[in-house]
Amino acid sequence: MKSSPEFVSAKIYRYDPTVESSPRYEIFEVPYERQMRVLDVLDYVAENCGVGIGYRWFCGVKRCGMCGVKVNGKPVLACWEKAMPSMVIEPLPNMPVIRDLVVDRSAFERATLAMNPCLERKKPHEAFPEPLTHKDFADAFKLMNCIECYVCTAACPVLADADHRDFAGPASFVQLAKVALHPKDEGNRVARALKGDIYACVSCYQCSNVCPVGINVLEDAIEKLKRQCATQAPLNREVREGQIFSDIIKEFGRVHPPTLMRRAKGLLQSISKFFLVVTMYRKGKVQRRPQTVEGIDDIRKLFEVVEKSR
């Protein structure tokens, strides 16, 4: 049986932007206790080492969502993540540092509020209580566990790109999807999803991988919002280009860049990229004409199954 370590080595990020020009790290040796969490390590340092480390928490039981930090490169909740023998504890990425491990979440909280994630009704209630089966409510129900910790937003690589600062972030889209998928909601969720730049999402699953309460953020929130956008806003440029991409896959079983460019951008813009296409052709990156792959019938059947499930 593997023995437990006597001490936990915690390398903690320290930075006060009001008085320091750059961040630094301090290393602390903390006595290990069985079932110790990252939050226990931070509490020990604050209470026994005479160090005023800035960190945030409230409930300590994975309910308030306030204690998010990055541990060994992964965004987690400090109250729930098990302490490891050696840890680097840093603030959540994609958010400005207020002090040490405390970050400013206000920009993403405003993005969530801009989504207006409240149930909107246009018709009067038919009865009280209103009939609502679990099957009707299943899609929205999956998202009710969200504690708005913004750990998924911290893990999002799109937000690390300065070109996509208008992207609302995964956490905001979870709150929007919670009402968009509610069977009684009648709000215009597509307009808000598009305003939040939902098509900037690259479907990398990082948000789903780090969610501390097990929500599949990508598939159960973002992709379902994209599906609503595709059916309710077909003239939107991003939606149209996504549909063209799917149509080419359904037609040939593979992507043919010249065809994708011609259909999405039009003939004139495609001509402007003529030399790029020729270069790609010479390097064997594209075929001159789109060729249908073997097994195309199976691919088309898969599309049919997906479309029927929507």
Protein backbone atom coordinates (compact mmCIF):
# COMPACT_ATOMS: atom_id res chain seq x y z
CA MET A 1 0.00 0.00 0.00
CA LYS A 2 1.38 3.38 -1.04
CA SER A 3 2.27 5.55 1.94
CA SER A 4 1.08 9.14 2.20
CA PRO A 5 3.58 12.01 2.05
CA GLU A 6 4.48 13.74 5.30
CA PHE A 7 4.41 17.17 3.69
CA VAL A 8 2.80 18.90 0.72
CA SER A 9 5.01 21.28 -1.25
CA ALA A 10 2.94 24.21 -2.51
CA LYS A 11 4.44 26.75 -4.91
CA ILE A 12 1.96 29.63 -4.71
CA TYR A 13 1.59 32.54 -7.12
CA ARG A 14 1.96 35.93 -5.43
CA TYR A 15 1.19 39.25 -7.10
CA ASP A 16 -0.35 42.55 -6.09
CA PRO A 17 -0.56 44.67 -9.28
CA THR A 18 -1.08 47.83 -7.24
CA VAL A 19 2.40 47.65 -5.70
CA GLU A 20 4.40 45.04 -7.65
CA SER A 21 5.71 45.21 -11.20
CA SER A 22 5.68 41.45 -11.82
CA PRO A 23 4.42 38.23 -10.19
CA ARG A 24 6.54 35.90 -8.07
CA TYR A 25 6.17 32.49 -6.41
CA GLU A 26 6.64 31.38 -2.81
CA ILE A 27 7.11 27.76 -1.73
CA PHE A 28 5.54 26.41 1.46
CA GLU A 29 5.86 23.01 3.14
CA VAL A 30 2.51 22.03 4.65
CA PRO A 31 1.95 18.95 6.89
CA TYR A 32 -0.12 16.40 4.99
CA GLU A 33 -3.45 15.21 6.38
CA ARG A 34 -5.66 12.43 5.03
CA GLN A 35 -8.24 13.65 2.45
CA MET A 36 -6.52 17.05 2.36
CA ARG A 37 -7.79 19.46 -0.30
CA VAL A 38 -6.07 22.37 -2.01
CA LEU A 39 -8.16 24.76 0.08
CA ASP A 40 -6.83 23.11 3.26
CA VAL A 41 -3.29 23.84 2.07
CA LEU A 42 -4.12 27.50 1.45
CA ASP A 43 -5.84 27.77 4.84
CA TYR A 44 -2.81 26.30 6.59
CA VAL A 45 -0.45 28.76 4.90
CA ALA A 46 -2.68 31.72 5.77
CA GLU A 47 -3.24 30.63 9.38
CA ASN A 48 0.15 29.18 10.34
CA CYS A 49 2.83 30.72 8.12
CA GLY A 50 2.15 34.38 8.79
CA VAL A 51 1.55 35.06 5.09
CA GLY A 52 -1.40 37.14 3.89
CA ILE A 53 -2.19 35.24 0.72
CA GLY A 54 -5.16 36.47 -1.25
CA TYR A 55 -7.60 33.69 -2.16
CA ARG A 56 -11.37 33.41 -2.24
CA TRP A 57 -13.84 30.87 -0.88
CA PHE A 58 -17.15 30.74 0.91
CA CYS A 59 -18.90 27.36 1.27
CA GLY A 60 -16.02 24.87 1.08
CA VAL A 61 -18.33 22.13 -0.29
CA LYS A 62 -18.51 22.72 -4.07
CA ARG A 63 -21.62 24.89 -3.98
CA CYS A 64 -20.63 28.57 -4.12
CA GLY A 65 -18.18 28.36 -7.04
CA MET A 66 -15.89 31.03 -5.58
CA CYS A 67 -12.66 29.12 -4.92
CA GLY A 68 -11.46 28.49 -8.48
CA VAL A 69 -7.68 28.30 -8.96
CA LYS A 70 -5.27 26.65 -11.37
CA VAL A 71 -3.36 23.67 -9.94
CA ASN A 72 -0.50 22.18 -11.95
CA GLY A 73 -1.91 23.76 -15.09
CA LYS A 74 -5.56 22.74 -14.65
CA PRO A 75 -8.43 25.01 -13.52
CA VAL A 76 -10.15 23.43 -10.50
CA LEU A 77 -12.13 24.22 -7.36
CA ALA A 78 -9.73 24.48 -4.42
CA CYS A 79 -12.31 23.10 -1.99
CA TRP A 80 -12.76 19.87 -3.95
CA GLU A 81 -9.41 19.16 -5.60
CA LYS A 82 -7.26 16.71 -3.65
CA ALA A 83 -3.91 18.04 -2.51
CA MET A 84 -0.92 16.49 -4.29
CA PRO A 85 2.60 16.05 -2.91
CA SER A 86 3.86 18.82 -5.17
CA MET A 87 1.64 21.60 -6.48
CA VAL A 88 1.91 24.88 -8.35
CA ILE A 89 -1.13 26.95 -7.39
CA GLU A 90 -1.97 29.91 -9.63
CA PRO A 91 -4.95 32.18 -10.36
CA LEU A 92 -7.53 31.20 -12.98
CA PRO A 93 -6.45 32.16 -16.53
CA ASN A 94 -8.36 34.53 -18.83
CA MET A 95 -9.20 36.91 -15.98
CA PRO A 96 -7.28 39.89 -14.52
CA VAL A 97 -5.53 39.26 -11.21
CA ILE A 98 -6.74 41.38 -8.29
CA ARG A 99 -4.23 39.95 -5.83
CA ASP A 100 -2.46 36.60 -5.66
CA LEU A 101 -5.10 33.93 -6.42
CA VAL A 102 -8.06 36.32 -6.51
CA VAL A 103 -9.24 37.19 -10.03
CA ASP A 104 -11.70 39.71 -11.39
CA ARG A 105 -14.64 37.78 -12.88
CA SER A 106 -16.79 40.85 -13.48
CA ALA A 107 -16.35 40.95 -17.29
CA PHE A 108 -17.73 37.43 -17.65
CA GLU A 109 -20.43 38.05 -15.07
CA ARG A 110 -21.55 41.03 -17.17
CA ALA A 111 -21.49 38.81 -20.27
CA THR A 112 -23.77 36.36 -18.47
CA LEU A 113 -26.16 39.12 -17.42
CA ALA A 114 -26.21 40.41 -21.01
CA MET A 115 -27.59 37.01 -22.04
CA ASN A 116 -30.62 37.75 -19.81
CA PRO A 117 -30.79 34.12 -18.65
CA CYS A 118 -34.27 34.42 -17.16
CA LEU A 119 -37.35 32.57 -18.32
CA GLU A 120 -39.39 34.72 -20.70
CA ARG A 121 -43.11 34.07 -21.12
CA LYS A 122 -45.42 35.63 -23.71
CA LYS A 123 -48.51 33.48 -23.15
CA PRO A 124 -50.38 33.28 -19.83
CA HIS A 125 -50.05 30.15 -17.73
CA GLU A 126 -52.47 27.47 -18.86
CA ALA A 127 -52.91 26.09 -15.35
CA PHE A 128 -51.28 25.95 -11.94
CA PRO A 129 -49.23 23.95 -11.46
CA GLU A 130 -48.33 23.79 -15.12
CA PRO A 131 -47.87 20.31 -16.57
CA LEU A 132 -44.16 19.66 -17.09
CA THR A 133 -42.72 16.17 -17.42
CA HIS A 134 -39.11 15.27 -16.74
CA LYS A 135 -38.78 14.26 -20.40
CA ASP A 136 -39.84 17.76 -21.47
CA PHE A 137 -37.39 19.33 -19.04
CA ALA A 138 -34.48 16.88 -19.52
CA ASP A 139 -32.22 19.10 -21.64
CA ALA A 140 -32.46 22.10 -19.33
CA PHE A 141 -32.28 19.89 -16.22
CA LYS A 142 -28.74 18.74 -17.11
CA LEU A 143 -27.52 22.32 -16.72
CA MET A 144 -29.13 23.05 -13.37
CA ASN A 145 -26.06 21.82 -11.49
CA CYS A 146 -23.96 24.76 -12.76
CA ILE A 147 -22.54 26.72 -9.81
CA GLU A 148 -21.16 29.55 -11.98
CA CYS A 149 -17.58 28.97 -10.86
CA TYR A 150 -16.22 30.06 -14.28
CA VAL A 151 -13.68 27.23 -14.21
CA CYS A 152 -14.81 26.26 -17.75
CA THR A 153 -14.28 29.84 -18.90
CA ALA A 154 -10.77 29.82 -17.42
CA ALA A 155 -9.93 26.70 -19.45
CA CYS A 156 -11.23 28.09 -22.76
CA PRO A 157 -8.41 28.54 -25.32
CA VAL A 158 -10.55 30.87 -27.45
CA LEU A 159 -10.57 33.47 -24.67
CA ALA A 160 -6.79 33.32 -24.49
CA ASP A 161 -6.77 34.67 -28.07
CA ALA A 162 -6.95 38.47 -28.18
CA ASP A 163 -8.93 38.25 -31.45
CA HIS A 164 -11.92 36.69 -29.66
CA ARG A 165 -12.46 38.93 -26.65
CA ASP A 166 -16.11 39.35 -27.69
CA PHE A 167 -16.67 35.65 -27.02
CA ALA A 168 -18.97 35.41 -24.00
CA GLY A 169 -17.33 32.22 -22.72
CA PRO A 170 -18.64 28.74 -21.86
CA ALA A 171 -20.10 29.64 -18.45
CA SER A 172 -22.29 32.36 -19.94
CA PHE A 173 -23.57 30.01 -22.62
CA VAL A 174 -24.49 27.41 -19.99
CA GLN A 175 -26.74 29.99 -18.33
CA LEU A 176 -28.25 30.95 -21.68
CA ALA A 177 -28.81 27.32 -22.67
CA LYS A 178 -30.50 26.64 -19.32
CA VAL A 179 -33.42 28.86 -20.39
CA ALA A 180 -33.14 28.33 -24.16
CA LEU A 181 -33.75 24.61 -23.65
CA HIS A 182 -36.57 25.13 -21.16
CA PRO A 183 -39.86 23.97 -22.77
CA LYS A 184 -41.72 27.04 -21.44
CA ASP A 185 -39.23 29.69 -22.58
CA GLU A 186 -40.20 32.01 -25.43
CA GLY A 187 -37.26 34.44 -25.47
CA ASN A 188 -35.07 35.22 -28.49
CA ARG A 189 -32.06 33.18 -27.42
CA VAL A 190 -30.53 32.95 -30.90
CA ALA A 191 -29.91 36.70 -31.09
CA ARG A 192 -28.15 36.66 -27.72
CA ALA A 193 -26.06 33.61 -28.61
CA LEU A 194 -24.90 35.26 -31.82
CA LYS A 195 -24.14 38.50 -29.99
CA GLY A 196 -21.99 36.45 -27.62
CA ASP A 197 -20.02 35.21 -30.67
CA ILE A 198 -20.97 31.58 -30.09
CA TYR A 199 -19.43 30.45 -33.38
CA ALA A 200 -15.99 31.40 -32.07
CA CYS A 201 -16.18 28.16 -30.06
CA VAL A 202 -13.77 25.59 -31.52
CA SER A 203 -15.42 22.53 -29.88
CA CYS A 204 -12.22 21.52 -28.09
CA TYR A 205 -14.02 20.02 -25.04
CA GLN A 206 -11.74 21.82 -22.58
CA CYS A 207 -14.78 23.34 -20.86
CA SER A 208 -16.39 19.91 -20.47
CA ASN A 209 -13.16 18.32 -19.26
CA VAL A 210 -12.71 20.69 -16.31
CA CYS A 211 -16.29 21.21 -15.13
CA PRO A 212 -16.20 20.30 -11.41
CA VAL A 213 -19.88 19.27 -11.36
CA GLY A 214 -19.69 17.07 -14.45
CA ILE A 215 -21.65 19.13 -16.98
CA ASN A 216 -20.83 18.37 -20.60
CA VAL A 217 -20.65 22.08 -21.39
CA LEU A 218 -19.90 21.67 -25.08
CA GLU A 219 -22.46 19.03 -26.06
CA ASP A 220 -25.27 19.86 -23.66
CA ALA A 221 -25.10 23.65 -23.84
CA ILE A 222 -22.98 25.22 -26.59
CA GLU A 223 -23.70 22.71 -29.39
CA LYS A 224 -27.43 22.79 -28.65
CA LEU A 225 -27.40 26.58 -28.82
CA LYS A 226 -25.54 26.36 -32.13
CA ARG A 227 -28.24 23.98 -33.36
CA GLN A 228 -30.91 26.53 -32.48
CA CYS A 229 -28.95 29.20 -34.32
CA ALA A 230 -28.67 26.96 -37.39
CA THR A 231 -32.42 26.33 -37.54
CA GLN A 232 -33.68 29.77 -36.54
CA ALA A 233 -31.09 32.08 -38.15
CA PRO A 234 -30.21 30.44 -41.49
CA LEU A 235 -29.08 33.73 -43.07
CA ASN A 236 -26.40 34.36 -40.49
CA ARG A 237 -22.97 34.20 -42.12
CA GLU A 238 -21.40 31.84 -39.59
CA VAL A 239 -24.41 29.53 -39.68
CA ARG A 240 -24.48 29.54 -43.47
CA GLU A 241 -20.78 28.67 -43.71
CA GLY A 242 -21.21 25.87 -41.18
CA GLN A 243 -24.09 24.46 -43.22
CA ILE A 244 -22.00 24.62 -46.41
CA PHE A 245 -19.21 22.73 -44.65
CA SER A 246 -21.68 20.00 -43.58
CA ASP A 247 -23.19 19.79 -47.07
CA ILE A 248 -19.78 19.20 -48.64
CA ILE A 249 -19.02 16.43 -46.14
CA LYS A 250 -22.39 14.85 -46.91
CA GLU A 251 -21.80 15.15 -50.65
CA PHE A 252 -18.21 13.91 -50.91
CA GLY A 253 -17.34 12.45 -47.51
CA ARG A 254 -14.42 14.85 -47.14
CA VAL A 255 -13.61 18.54 -47.24
CA HIS A 256 -12.54 19.95 -50.60
CA PRO A 257 -11.10 23.43 -49.82
CA PRO A 258 -11.63 24.99 -53.30
CA THR A 259 -15.29 23.94 -53.29
CA LEU A 260 -15.73 25.16 -49.71
CA MET A 261 -14.17 28.52 -50.58
CA ARG A 262 -16.24 28.95 -53.75
CA ARG A 263 -19.55 28.15 -52.06
CA ALA A 264 -18.88 30.09 -48.86
CA LYS A 265 -17.06 33.14 -50.21
CA GLY A 266 -18.36 33.36 -53.77
CA LEU A 267 -16.61 33.21 -57.12
CA LEU A 268 -14.85 36.59 -56.96
CA GLN A 269 -13.19 36.00 -53.59
CA SER A 270 -12.28 32.48 -54.68
CA ILE A 271 -10.49 33.84 -57.74
CA SER A 272 -8.48 36.14 -55.47
CA LYS A 273 -7.18 33.01 -53.72
CA PHE A 274 -6.38 31.24 -56.99
CA PHE A 275 -2.60 31.20 -56.49
CA LEU A 276 -3.00 29.86 -52.96
CA VAL A 277 -5.13 27.00 -54.28
CA VAL A 278 -2.59 26.26 -57.02
CA THR A 279 0.21 26.14 -54.45
CA MET A 280 -1.79 23.76 -52.25
CA TYR A 281 -2.53 21.57 -55.29
CA ARG A 282 1.14 21.36 -56.24
CA LYS A 283 2.02 20.30 -52.70
CA GLY A 284 -0.61 17.58 -52.80
CA LYS A 285 -2.78 19.27 -50.18
CA VAL A 286 -5.96 19.38 -52.31
CA GLN A 287 -7.39 17.56 -55.32
CA ARG A 288 -8.23 19.45 -58.49
CA ARG A 289 -11.76 18.06 -58.42
CA PRO A 290 -13.61 16.80 -55.34
CA GLN A 291 -13.53 13.02 -55.11
CA THR A 292 -16.14 11.01 -53.24
CA VAL A 293 -14.70 8.71 -50.61
CA GLU A 294 -15.54 5.05 -50.22
CA GLY A 295 -18.31 4.44 -47.72
CA ILE A 296 -20.12 7.67 -48.60
CA ASP A 297 -23.49 5.92 -48.11
CA ASP A 298 -22.61 5.20 -44.46
CA ILE A 299 -21.61 8.84 -43.93
CA ARG A 300 -24.91 10.04 -45.38
CA LYS A 301 -26.84 7.62 -43.17
CA LEU A 302 -25.02 9.07 -40.16
CA PHE A 303 -26.13 12.56 -41.19
CA GLU A 304 -29.71 11.30 -41.43
CA VAL A 305 -29.57 9.85 -37.92
CA VAL A 306 -28.20 13.11 -36.50
CA GLU A 307 -30.78 15.24 -38.33
CA LYS A 308 -33.66 13.05 -37.10
CA SER A 309 -32.42 13.36 -33.51
CA ARG A 310 -32.59 17.17 -33.56
